[in-house]
Structures are given as structure tokens and as C-alpha cells.
Amino acid sequence: MNSLKPEDTAVYYCAAQLDTLTNLYYTTTPSTYTYWGQGTQVTV
């Protein structure tokens, strides 16, 4: 993450899903991801 802005402040999570579909809904919707990390705080 470069050129960070104050509005980038958030808890950042990674998540995993089976790579079976590539439509916009499947790839960008949190509920379609099966596994999640605990998150890491980013404060700008």
C-alpha cells in the first residue's frame, strides 16, 4: 500500500475462497469467502 491517506485507516483482513467463479459479486462480496484472518490495524 503506497501513498496512504487517512481514509485508508481500517482493520485489514485477508480471506480465502475457492477460485471457481470470476464474476464481480463472487470475487468482491465478503460472504462468499470461506476463511478469514483475524485482521490487522492500519492507521494513517
All heavy atoms as atom14 arrays in JSON, in Angstrom:
{
  "sequence": "MNSLKPEDTAVYYCAAQLDTLTNLYYTTTPSTYTYWGQGTQVTV",
  "atom14_mask": [
    [1, 1, 1, 1, 1, 1, 1, 1, 0, 0, 0, 0, 0, 0],
    [1, 1, 1, 1, 1, 1, 1, 1, 0, 0, 0, 0, 0, 0],
    [1, 1, 1, 1, 1, 1, 0, 0, 0, 0, 0, 0, 0, 0],
    [1, 1, 1, 1, 1, 1, 1, 1, 0, 0, 0, 0, 0, 0],
    [1, 1, 1, 1, 1, 1, 1, 1, 1, 0, 0, 0, 0, 0],
    [1, 1, 1, 1, 1, 1, 1, 0, 0, 0, 0, 0, 0, 0],
    [1, 1, 1, 1, 1, 1, 1, 1, 1, 0, 0, 0, 0, 0],
    [1, 1, 1, 1, 1, 1, 1, 1, 0, 0, 0, 0, 0, 0],
    [1, 1, 1, 1, 1, 1, 1, 0, 0, 0, 0, 0, 0, 0],
    [1, 1, 1, 1, 1, 0, 0, 0, 0, 0, 0, 0, 0, 0],
    [1, 1, 1, 1, 1, 1, 1, 0, 0, 0, 0, 0, 0, 0],
    [1, 1, 1, 1, 1, 1, 1, 1, 1, 1, 1, 1, 0, 0],
    [1, 1, 1, 1, 1, 1, 1, 1, 1, 1, 1, 1, 0, 0],
    [1, 1, 1, 1, 1, 1, 0, 0, 0, 0, 0, 0, 0, 0],
    [1, 1, 1, 1, 1, 0, 0, 0, 0, 0, 0, 0, 0, 0],
    [1, 1, 1, 1, 1, 0, 0, 0, 0, 0, 0, 0, 0, 0],
    [1, 1, 1, 1, 1, 1, 1, 1, 1, 0, 0, 0, 0, 0],
    [1, 1, 1, 1, 1, 1, 1, 1, 0, 0, 0, 0, 0, 0],
    [1, 1, 1, 1, 1, 1, 1, 1, 0, 0, 0, 0, 0, 0],
    [1, 1, 1, 1, 1, 1, 1, 0, 0, 0, 0, 0, 0, 0],
    [1, 1, 1, 1, 1, 1, 1, 1, 0, 0, 0, 0, 0, 0],
    [1, 1, 1, 1, 1, 1, 1, 0, 0, 0, 0, 0, 0, 0],
    [1, 1, 1, 1, 1, 1, 1, 1, 0, 0, 0, 0, 0, 0],
    [1, 1, 1, 1, 1, 1, 1, 1, 0, 0, 0, 0, 0, 0],
    [1, 1, 1, 1, 1, 1, 1, 1, 1, 1, 1, 1, 0, 0],
    [1, 1, 1, 1, 1, 1, 1, 1, 1, 1, 1, 1, 0, 0],
    [1, 1, 1, 1, 1, 1, 1, 0, 0, 0, 0, 0, 0, 0],
    [1, 1, 1, 1, 1, 1, 1, 0, 0, 0, 0, 0, 0, 0],
    [1, 1, 1, 1, 1, 1, 1, 0, 0, 0, 0, 0, 0, 0],
    [1, 1, 1, 1, 1, 1, 1, 0, 0, 0, 0, 0, 0, 0],
    [1, 1, 1, 1, 1, 1, 0, 0, 0, 0, 0, 0, 0, 0],
    [1, 1, 1, 1, 1, 1, 1, 0, 0, 0, 0, 0, 0, 0],
    [1, 1, 1, 1, 1, 1, 1, 1, 1, 1, 1, 1, 0, 0],
    [1, 1, 1, 1, 1, 1, 1, 0, 0, 0, 0, 0, 0, 0],
    [1, 1, 1, 1, 1, 1, 1, 1, 1, 1, 1, 1, 0, 0],
    [1, 1, 1, 1, 1, 1, 1, 1, 1, 1, 1, 1, 1, 1],
    [1, 1, 1, 1, 0, 0, 0, 0, 0, 0, 0, 0, 0, 0],
    [1, 1, 1, 1, 1, 1, 1, 1, 1, 0, 0, 0, 0, 0],
    [1, 1, 1, 1, 0, 0, 0, 0, 0, 0, 0, 0, 0, 0],
    [1, 1, 1, 1, 1, 1, 1, 0, 0, 0, 0, 0, 0, 0],
    [1, 1, 1, 1, 1, 1, 1, 1, 1, 0, 0, 0, 0, 0],
    [1, 1, 1, 1, 1, 1, 1, 0, 0, 0, 0, 0, 0, 0],
    [1, 1, 1, 1, 1, 1, 1, 0, 0, 0, 0, 0, 0, 0],
    [1, 1, 1, 1, 1, 1, 1, 0, 0, 0, 0, 0, 0, 0]
  ],
  "atom14_positions": [
    [[0.85, -1.18, 0.0], [0.0, 0.0, 0.0], [0.89, 1.24, 0.0], [1.68, 1.44, 0.94], [-0.91, 0.0, 1.23], [-1.73, -1.27, 1.38], [-2.91, -1.19, 2.75], [-1.79, -1.1, 4.14], [0.0, 0.0, 0.0], [0.0, 0.0, 0.0], [0.0, 0.0, 0.0], [0.0, 0.0, 0.0], [0.0, 0.0, 0.0], [0.0, 0.0, 0.0]],
    [[0.76, 2.03, -1.04], [1.57, 3.24, -1.19], [0.69, 4.49, -1.14], [-0.53, 4.41, -1.31], [2.32, 3.19, -2.52], [3.29, 2.04, -2.6], [3.88, 1.61, -1.6], [3.45, 1.51, -3.8], [0.0, 0.0, 0.0], [0.0, 0.0, 0.0], [0.0, 0.0, 0.0], [0.0, 0.0, 0.0], [0.0, 0.0, 0.0], [0.0, 0.0, 0.0]],
    [[1.33, 5.62, -0.92], [0.64, 6.92, -0.9], [-0.59, 6.86, 0.0], [-1.69, 7.26, -0.39], [0.24, 7.33, -2.32], [1.37, 7.41, -3.15], [0.0, 0.0, 0.0], [0.0, 0.0, 0.0], [0.0, 0.0, 0.0], [0.0, 0.0, 0.0], [0.0, 0.0, 0.0], [0.0, 0.0, 0.0], [0.0, 0.0, 0.0], [0.0, 0.0, 0.0]],
    [[-0.4, 6.34, 1.18], [-1.53, 6.12, 2.08], [-2.18, 7.43, 2.5], [-1.51, 8.46, 2.66], [-1.09, 5.32, 3.29], [-0.88, 3.82, 3.02], [-0.06, 3.17, 4.1], [-2.22, 3.13, 2.86], [0.0, 0.0, 0.0], [0.0, 0.0, 0.0], [0.0, 0.0, 0.0], [0.0, 0.0, 0.0], [0.0, 0.0, 0.0], [0.0, 0.0, 0.0]],
    [[-3.48, 7.36, 2.7], [-4.29, 8.51, 3.08], [-5.0, 8.21, 4.4], [-5.24, 7.04, 4.72], [-5.32, 8.79, 2.0], [-4.75, 8.98, 0.61], [-5.86, 9.12, -0.42], [-5.29, 9.27, -1.82], [-6.35, 9.4, -2.84], [0.0, 0.0, 0.0], [0.0, 0.0, 0.0], [0.0, 0.0, 0.0], [0.0, 0.0, 0.0], [0.0, 0.0, 0.0]],
    [[-5.38, 9.23, 5.13], [-6.12, 8.98, 6.38], [-7.37, 8.13, 6.18], [-7.72, 7.33, 7.05], [-6.47, 10.39, 6.86], [-5.36, 11.24, 6.33], [-5.03, 10.65, 4.98], [0.0, 0.0, 0.0], [0.0, 0.0, 0.0], [0.0, 0.0, 0.0], [0.0, 0.0, 0.0], [0.0, 0.0, 0.0], [0.0, 0.0, 0.0], [0.0, 0.0, 0.0]],
    [[-8.0, 8.25, 5.03], [-9.22, 7.45, 4.77], [-8.92, 5.98, 4.52], [-9.84, 5.17, 4.41], [-10.01, 8.04, 3.59], [-9.21, 8.3, 2.35], [-8.73, 9.75, 2.25], [-8.29, 10.3, 3.27], [-8.81, 10.3, 1.12], [0.0, 0.0, 0.0], [0.0, 0.0, 0.0], [0.0, 0.0, 0.0], [0.0, 0.0, 0.0], [0.0, 0.0, 0.0]],
    [[-7.64, 5.61, 4.44], [-7.27, 4.2, 4.35], [-7.23, 3.53, 5.72], [-7.04, 2.32, 5.83], [-5.89, 4.05, 3.69], [-5.88, 4.48, 2.25], [-6.84, 4.13, 1.52], [-4.91, 5.14, 1.83], [0.0, 0.0, 0.0], [0.0, 0.0, 0.0], [0.0, 0.0, 0.0], [0.0, 0.0, 0.0], [0.0, 0.0, 0.0], [0.0, 0.0, 0.0]],
    [[-7.41, 4.31, 6.77], [-7.41, 3.77, 8.12], [-8.55, 2.77, 8.29], [-9.7, 3.09, 8.02], [-7.55, 4.91, 9.16], [-6.39, 5.74, 9.08], [-7.71, 4.35, 10.56], [0.0, 0.0, 0.0], [0.0, 0.0, 0.0], [0.0, 0.0, 0.0], [0.0, 0.0, 0.0], [0.0, 0.0, 0.0], [0.0, 0.0, 0.0], [0.0, 0.0, 0.0]],
    [[-8.2, 1.57, 8.73], [-9.18, 0.49, 8.87], [-8.48, -0.74, 9.43], [-7.25, -0.79, 9.5], [-9.82, 0.16, 7.52], [0.0, 0.0, 0.0], [0.0, 0.0, 0.0], [0.0, 0.0, 0.0], [0.0, 0.0, 0.0], [0.0, 0.0, 0.0], [0.0, 0.0, 0.0], [0.0, 0.0, 0.0], [0.0, 0.0, 0.0], [0.0, 0.0, 0.0]],
    [[-9.28, -1.72, 9.79], [-8.75, -3.06, 10.03], [-8.76, -3.79, 8.68], [-9.79, -3.82, 8.0], [-9.58, -3.82, 11.07], [-9.02, -5.24, 11.25], [-9.6, -3.09, 12.39], [0.0, 0.0, 0.0], [0.0, 0.0, 0.0], [0.0, 0.0, 0.0], [0.0, 0.0, 0.0], [0.0, 0.0, 0.0], [0.0, 0.0, 0.0], [0.0, 0.0, 0.0]],
    [[-7.63, -4.33, 8.33], [-7.48, -5.04, 7.06], [-7.51, -6.55, 7.33], [-6.79, -7.05, 8.2], [-6.18, -4.64, 6.38], [-6.27, -3.27, 5.74], [-6.34, -2.12, 6.51], [-6.32, -3.13, 4.36], [-6.45, -0.87, 5.92], [-6.42, -1.88, 3.75], [-6.49, -0.76, 4.55], [-6.6, 0.48, 3.96], [0.0, 0.0, 0.0], [0.0, 0.0, 0.0]],
    [[-8.32, -7.24, 6.54], [-8.49, -8.67, 6.67], [-8.1, -9.36, 5.36], [-8.41, -8.86, 4.28], [-9.94, -9.03, 6.95], [-10.52, -8.46, 8.22], [-11.14, -7.22, 8.23], [-10.46, -9.18, 9.41], [-11.69, -6.7, 9.39], [-11.0, -8.67, 10.58], [-11.61, -7.43, 10.56], [-12.17, -6.92, 11.71], [0.0, 0.0, 0.0], [0.0, 0.0, 0.0]],
    [[-7.49, -10.54, 5.48], [-7.37, -11.38, 4.3], [-8.36, -12.54, 4.44], [-8.73, -12.92, 5.55], [-5.95, -11.88, 4.09], [-5.33, -13.03, 5.33], [0.0, 0.0, 0.0], [0.0, 0.0, 0.0], [0.0, 0.0, 0.0], [0.0, 0.0, 0.0], [0.0, 0.0, 0.0], [0.0, 0.0, 0.0], [0.0, 0.0, 0.0], [0.0, 0.0, 0.0]],
    [[-8.77, -13.05, 3.31], [-9.76, -14.11, 3.28], [-9.52, -14.99, 2.07], [-8.91, -14.56, 1.08], [-11.16, -13.49, 3.21], [0.0, 0.0, 0.0], [0.0, 0.0, 0.0], [0.0, 0.0, 0.0], [0.0, 0.0, 0.0], [0.0, 0.0, 0.0], [0.0, 0.0, 0.0], [0.0, 0.0, 0.0], [0.0, 0.0, 0.0], [0.0, 0.0, 0.0]],
    [[-10.0, -16.22, 2.14], [-9.79, -17.17, 1.05], [-11.11, -17.76, 0.6], [-12.02, -18.0, 1.42], [-8.85, -18.28, 1.5], [0.0, 0.0, 0.0], [0.0, 0.0, 0.0], [0.0, 0.0, 0.0], [0.0, 0.0, 0.0], [0.0, 0.0, 0.0], [0.0, 0.0, 0.0], [0.0, 0.0, 0.0], [0.0, 0.0, 0.0], [0.0, 0.0, 0.0]],
    [[-11.19, -17.99, -0.7], [-12.35, -18.63, -1.31], [-11.87, -19.56, -2.42], [-10.8, -19.33, -3.01], [-13.33, -17.6, -1.87], [-12.79, -16.81, -3.01], [-13.77, -15.82, -3.62], [-13.47, -15.17, -4.6], [-14.96, -15.67, -3.09], [0.0, 0.0, 0.0], [0.0, 0.0, 0.0], [0.0, 0.0, 0.0], [0.0, 0.0, 0.0], [0.0, 0.0, 0.0]],
    [[-12.66, -20.57, -2.71], [-12.36, -21.41, -3.86], [-12.43, -20.56, -5.13], [-13.34, -19.75, -5.3], [-13.35, -22.57, -3.95], [-13.11, -23.71, -2.96], [-14.27, -24.69, -2.98], [-11.8, -24.42, -3.27], [0.0, 0.0, 0.0], [0.0, 0.0, 0.0], [0.0, 0.0, 0.0], [0.0, 0.0, 0.0], [0.0, 0.0, 0.0], [0.0, 0.0, 0.0]],
    [[-11.47, -20.74, -5.98], [-11.38, -19.93, -7.2], [-12.21, -20.59, -8.3], [-11.69, -21.07, -9.3], [-9.92, -19.81, -7.63], [-9.74, -18.81, -8.76], [-10.6, -17.92, -8.92], [-8.74, -18.95, -9.5], [0.0, 0.0, 0.0], [0.0, 0.0, 0.0], [0.0, 0.0, 0.0], [0.0, 0.0, 0.0], [0.0, 0.0, 0.0], [0.0, 0.0, 0.0]],
    [[-13.54, -20.58, -8.1], [-14.43, -21.27, -9.03], [-15.19, -20.33, -9.94], [-15.64, -20.73, -11.01], [-15.44, -22.12, -8.24], [-16.08, -21.29, -7.26], [-14.74, -23.27, -7.54], [0.0, 0.0, 0.0], [0.0, 0.0, 0.0], [0.0, 0.0, 0.0], [0.0, 0.0, 0.0], [0.0, 0.0, 0.0], [0.0, 0.0, 0.0], [0.0, 0.0, 0.0]],
    [[-15.37, -19.1, -9.5], [-16.11, -18.11, -10.29], [-15.31, -16.83, -10.37], [-14.48, -16.54, -9.5], [-17.48, -17.82, -9.65], [-18.44, -18.99, -9.51], [-19.65, -18.59, -8.67], [-18.88, -19.48, -10.88], [0.0, 0.0, 0.0], [0.0, 0.0, 0.0], [0.0, 0.0, 0.0], [0.0, 0.0, 0.0], [0.0, 0.0, 0.0], [0.0, 0.0, 0.0]],
    [[-15.57, -16.05, -11.38], [-14.84, -14.79, -11.53], [-15.76, -13.6, -11.69], [-15.3, -12.51, -12.03], [-13.89, -14.85, -12.73], [-14.65, -15.15, -13.9], [-12.81, -15.9, -12.53], [0.0, 0.0, 0.0], [0.0, 0.0, 0.0], [0.0, 0.0, 0.0], [0.0, 0.0, 0.0], [0.0, 0.0, 0.0], [0.0, 0.0, 0.0], [0.0, 0.0, 0.0]],
    [[-17.07, -13.78, -11.44], [-17.94, -12.62, -11.6], [-17.74, -11.65, -10.46], [-17.19, -11.98, -9.4], [-19.4, -13.05, -11.71], [-19.9, -13.75, -10.46], [-20.08, -13.1, -9.42], [-20.13, -15.03, -10.54], [0.0, 0.0, 0.0], [0.0, 0.0, 0.0], [0.0, 0.0, 0.0], [0.0, 0.0, 0.0], [0.0, 0.0, 0.0], [0.0, 0.0, 0.0]],
    [[-18.2, -10.44, -10.67], [-17.93, -9.35, -9.73], [-18.49, -9.65, -8.35], [-17.84, -9.4, -7.33], [-18.53, -8.05, -10.28], [-18.24, -6.79, -9.47], [-16.75, -6.51, -9.45], [-19.0, -5.61, -10.07], [0.0, 0.0, 0.0], [0.0, 0.0, 0.0], [0.0, 0.0, 0.0], [0.0, 0.0, 0.0], [0.0, 0.0, 0.0], [0.0, 0.0, 0.0]],
    [[-19.69, -10.17, -8.29], [-20.31, -10.45, -6.99], [-19.47, -11.46, -6.21], [-19.16, -11.26, -5.04], [-21.73, -10.97, -7.17], [-22.39, -11.36, -5.87], [-23.01, -10.4, -5.08], [-22.35, -12.67, -5.41], [-23.6, -10.74, -3.88], [-22.94, -13.02, -4.21], [-23.55, -12.06, -3.45], [-24.13, -12.39, -2.25], [0.0, 0.0, 0.0], [0.0, 0.0, 0.0]],
    [[-19.09, -12.55, -6.85], [-18.38, -13.61, -6.14], [-17.02, -13.13, -5.66], [-16.59, -13.45, -4.56], [-18.21, -14.81, -7.07], [-17.55, -16.0, -6.41], [-18.24, -16.79, -5.51], [-16.23, -16.33, -6.7], [-17.64, -17.89, -4.9], [-15.63, -17.42, -6.09], [-16.34, -18.19, -5.2], [-15.73, -19.26, -4.59], [0.0, 0.0, 0.0], [0.0, 0.0, 0.0]],
    [[-16.32, -12.39, -6.45], [-14.95, -12.02, -6.11], [-14.85, -10.88, -5.12], [-13.82, -10.73, -4.46], [-14.17, -11.63, -7.37], [-14.83, -10.55, -8.02], [-14.03, -12.8, -8.32], [0.0, 0.0, 0.0], [0.0, 0.0, 0.0], [0.0, 0.0, 0.0], [0.0, 0.0, 0.0], [0.0, 0.0, 0.0], [0.0, 0.0, 0.0], [0.0, 0.0, 0.0]],
    [[-15.92, -10.09, -4.96], [-15.81, -8.89, -4.11], [-16.71, -8.9, -2.88], [-16.63, -7.98, -2.07], [-16.11, -7.63, -4.92], [-17.48, -7.66, -5.35], [-15.19, -7.51, -6.13], [0.0, 0.0, 0.0], [0.0, 0.0, 0.0], [0.0, 0.0, 0.0], [0.0, 0.0, 0.0], [0.0, 0.0, 0.0], [0.0, 0.0, 0.0], [0.0, 0.0, 0.0]],
    [[-17.56, -9.9, -2.73], [-18.51, -9.93, -1.62], [-17.97, -10.74, -0.46], [-17.64, -11.91, -0.63], [-19.85, -10.51, -2.09], [-20.35, -9.73, -3.17], [-20.86, -10.51, -0.95], [0.0, 0.0, 0.0], [0.0, 0.0, 0.0], [0.0, 0.0, 0.0], [0.0, 0.0, 0.0], [0.0, 0.0, 0.0], [0.0, 0.0, 0.0], [0.0, 0.0, 0.0]],
    [[-17.88, -10.15, 0.72], [-17.28, -10.86, 1.86], [-17.94, -12.2, 2.17], [-17.24, -13.15, 2.54], [-17.47, -9.86, 3.02], [-17.5, -8.53, 2.36], [-18.19, -8.74, 1.06], [0.0, 0.0, 0.0], [0.0, 0.0, 0.0], [0.0, 0.0, 0.0], [0.0, 0.0, 0.0], [0.0, 0.0, 0.0], [0.0, 0.0, 0.0], [0.0, 0.0, 0.0]],
    [[-19.24, -12.31, 2.01], [-19.93, -13.54, 2.41], [-19.57, -14.73, 1.52], [-19.87, -15.87, 1.87], [-21.44, -13.33, 2.4], [-21.89, -13.0, 1.1], [0.0, 0.0, 0.0], [0.0, 0.0, 0.0], [0.0, 0.0, 0.0], [0.0, 0.0, 0.0], [0.0, 0.0, 0.0], [0.0, 0.0, 0.0], [0.0, 0.0, 0.0], [0.0, 0.0, 0.0]],
    [[-18.95, -14.48, 0.38], [-18.55, -15.6, -0.5], [-17.18, -16.18, -0.13], [-16.75, -17.16, -0.7], [-18.51, -15.15, -1.96], [-17.49, -14.17, -2.14], [-19.85, -14.58, -2.4], [0.0, 0.0, 0.0], [0.0, 0.0, 0.0], [0.0, 0.0, 0.0], [0.0, 0.0, 0.0], [0.0, 0.0, 0.0], [0.0, 0.0, 0.0], [0.0, 0.0, 0.0]],
    [[-16.5, -15.57, 0.82], [-15.2, -16.06, 1.28], [-15.39, -16.96, 2.49], [-16.15, -16.65, 3.4], [-14.28, -14.88, 1.62], [-13.75, -14.19, 0.39], [-14.56, -13.35, -0.37], [-12.44, -14.4, -0.04], [-14.09, -12.74, -1.52], [-11.96, -13.78, -1.18], [-12.79, -12.96, -1.91], [-12.29, -12.34, -3.06], [0.0, 0.0, 0.0], [0.0, 0.0, 0.0]],
    [[-14.67, -18.07, 2.49], [-14.88, -19.11, 3.5], [-13.99, -18.91, 4.73], [-14.45, -19.13, 5.85], [-14.59, -20.49, 2.89], [-15.39, -20.65, 1.72], [-14.88, -21.59, 3.88], [0.0, 0.0, 0.0], [0.0, 0.0, 0.0], [0.0, 0.0, 0.0], [0.0, 0.0, 0.0], [0.0, 0.0, 0.0], [0.0, 0.0, 0.0], [0.0, 0.0, 0.0]],
    [[-12.76, -18.55, 4.48], [-11.79, -18.47, 5.58], [-11.32, -17.04, 5.75], [-11.08, -16.34, 4.77], [-10.59, -19.38, 5.3], [-10.96, -20.81, 5.06], [-10.96, -21.35, 3.77], [-11.32, -21.64, 6.12], [-11.31, -22.66, 3.55], [-11.66, -22.96, 5.9], [-11.66, -23.46, 4.62], [-12.01, -24.77, 4.4], [0.0, 0.0, 0.0], [0.0, 0.0, 0.0]],
    [[-11.17, -16.64, 7.02], [-10.77, -15.26, 7.33], [-9.65, -15.23, 8.36], [-9.59, -16.08, 9.26], [-11.98, -14.49, 7.91], [-13.01, -14.18, 6.88], [-14.01, -15.0, 6.45], [-13.11, -12.98, 6.12], [-14.75, -14.36, 5.47], [-14.22, -13.13, 5.26], [-12.39, -11.78, 6.1], [-14.62, -12.12, 4.37], [-12.79, -10.79, 5.22], [-13.89, -10.96, 4.37]],
    [[-8.79, -14.24, 8.22], [-7.82, -13.97, 9.26], [-8.43, -13.1, 10.35], [-9.59, -12.69, 10.27], [0.0, 0.0, 0.0], [0.0, 0.0, 0.0], [0.0, 0.0, 0.0], [0.0, 0.0, 0.0], [0.0, 0.0, 0.0], [0.0, 0.0, 0.0], [0.0, 0.0, 0.0], [0.0, 0.0, 0.0], [0.0, 0.0, 0.0], [0.0, 0.0, 0.0]],
    [[-7.62, -12.79, 11.34], [-8.11, -12.03, 12.5], [-8.07, -10.53, 12.26], [-8.67, -9.77, 13.01], [-7.28, -12.38, 13.75], [-5.95, -11.65, 13.87], [-4.89, -12.12, 12.88], [-5.06, -13.13, 12.2], [-3.78, -11.39, 12.83], [0.0, 0.0, 0.0], [0.0, 0.0, 0.0], [0.0, 0.0, 0.0], [0.0, 0.0, 0.0], [0.0, 0.0, 0.0]],
    [[-7.38, -10.09, 11.24], [-7.31, -8.68, 10.91], [-6.07, -8.01, 11.47], [-5.51, -8.44, 12.5], [0.0, 0.0, 0.0], [0.0, 0.0, 0.0], [0.0, 0.0, 0.0], [0.0, 0.0, 0.0], [0.0, 0.0, 0.0], [0.0, 0.0, 0.0], [0.0, 0.0, 0.0], [0.0, 0.0, 0.0], [0.0, 0.0, 0.0], [0.0, 0.0, 0.0]],
    [[-5.64, -6.95, 10.81], [-4.52, -6.16, 11.28], [-4.87, -4.67, 11.11], [-5.41, -4.27, 10.07], [-3.22, -6.52, 10.53], [-2.12, -5.81, 11.1], [-3.29, -6.2, 9.04], [0.0, 0.0, 0.0], [0.0, 0.0, 0.0], [0.0, 0.0, 0.0], [0.0, 0.0, 0.0], [0.0, 0.0, 0.0], [0.0, 0.0, 0.0], [0.0, 0.0, 0.0]],
    [[-4.59, -3.88, 12.12], [-4.98, -2.47, 12.12], [-3.99, -1.64, 11.32], [-2.78, -1.73, 11.51], [-5.05, -1.94, 13.55], [-5.37, -0.46, 13.67], [-6.8, -0.14, 13.28], [-7.73, -0.81, 13.72], [-6.97, 0.91, 12.46], [0.0, 0.0, 0.0], [0.0, 0.0, 0.0], [0.0, 0.0, 0.0], [0.0, 0.0, 0.0], [0.0, 0.0, 0.0]],
    [[-4.53, -0.82, 10.45], [-3.74, 0.18, 9.72], [-4.29, 1.55, 10.08], [-5.48, 1.81, 9.91], [-3.82, -0.04, 8.2], [-3.17, 1.13, 7.45], [-3.14, -1.36, 7.83], [0.0, 0.0, 0.0], [0.0, 0.0, 0.0], [0.0, 0.0, 0.0], [0.0, 0.0, 0.0], [0.0, 0.0, 0.0], [0.0, 0.0, 0.0], [0.0, 0.0, 0.0]],
    [[-3.42, 2.41, 10.58], [-3.81, 3.76, 10.94], [-2.92, 4.75, 10.21], [-1.69, 4.67, 10.31], [-3.7, 3.99, 12.46], [-4.5, 3.02, 13.14], [-4.18, 5.38, 12.83], [0.0, 0.0, 0.0], [0.0, 0.0, 0.0], [0.0, 0.0, 0.0], [0.0, 0.0, 0.0], [0.0, 0.0, 0.0], [0.0, 0.0, 0.0], [0.0, 0.0, 0.0]],
    [[-3.54, 5.64, 9.46], [-2.8, 6.64, 8.7], [-3.09, 8.01, 9.3], [-4.25, 8.44, 9.33], [-3.2, 6.61, 7.22], [-2.34, 7.6, 6.42], [-3.05, 5.2, 6.66], [0.0, 0.0, 0.0], [0.0, 0.0, 0.0], [0.0, 0.0, 0.0], [0.0, 0.0, 0.0], [0.0, 0.0, 0.0], [0.0, 0.0, 0.0], [0.0, 0.0, 0.0]]
  ]
}
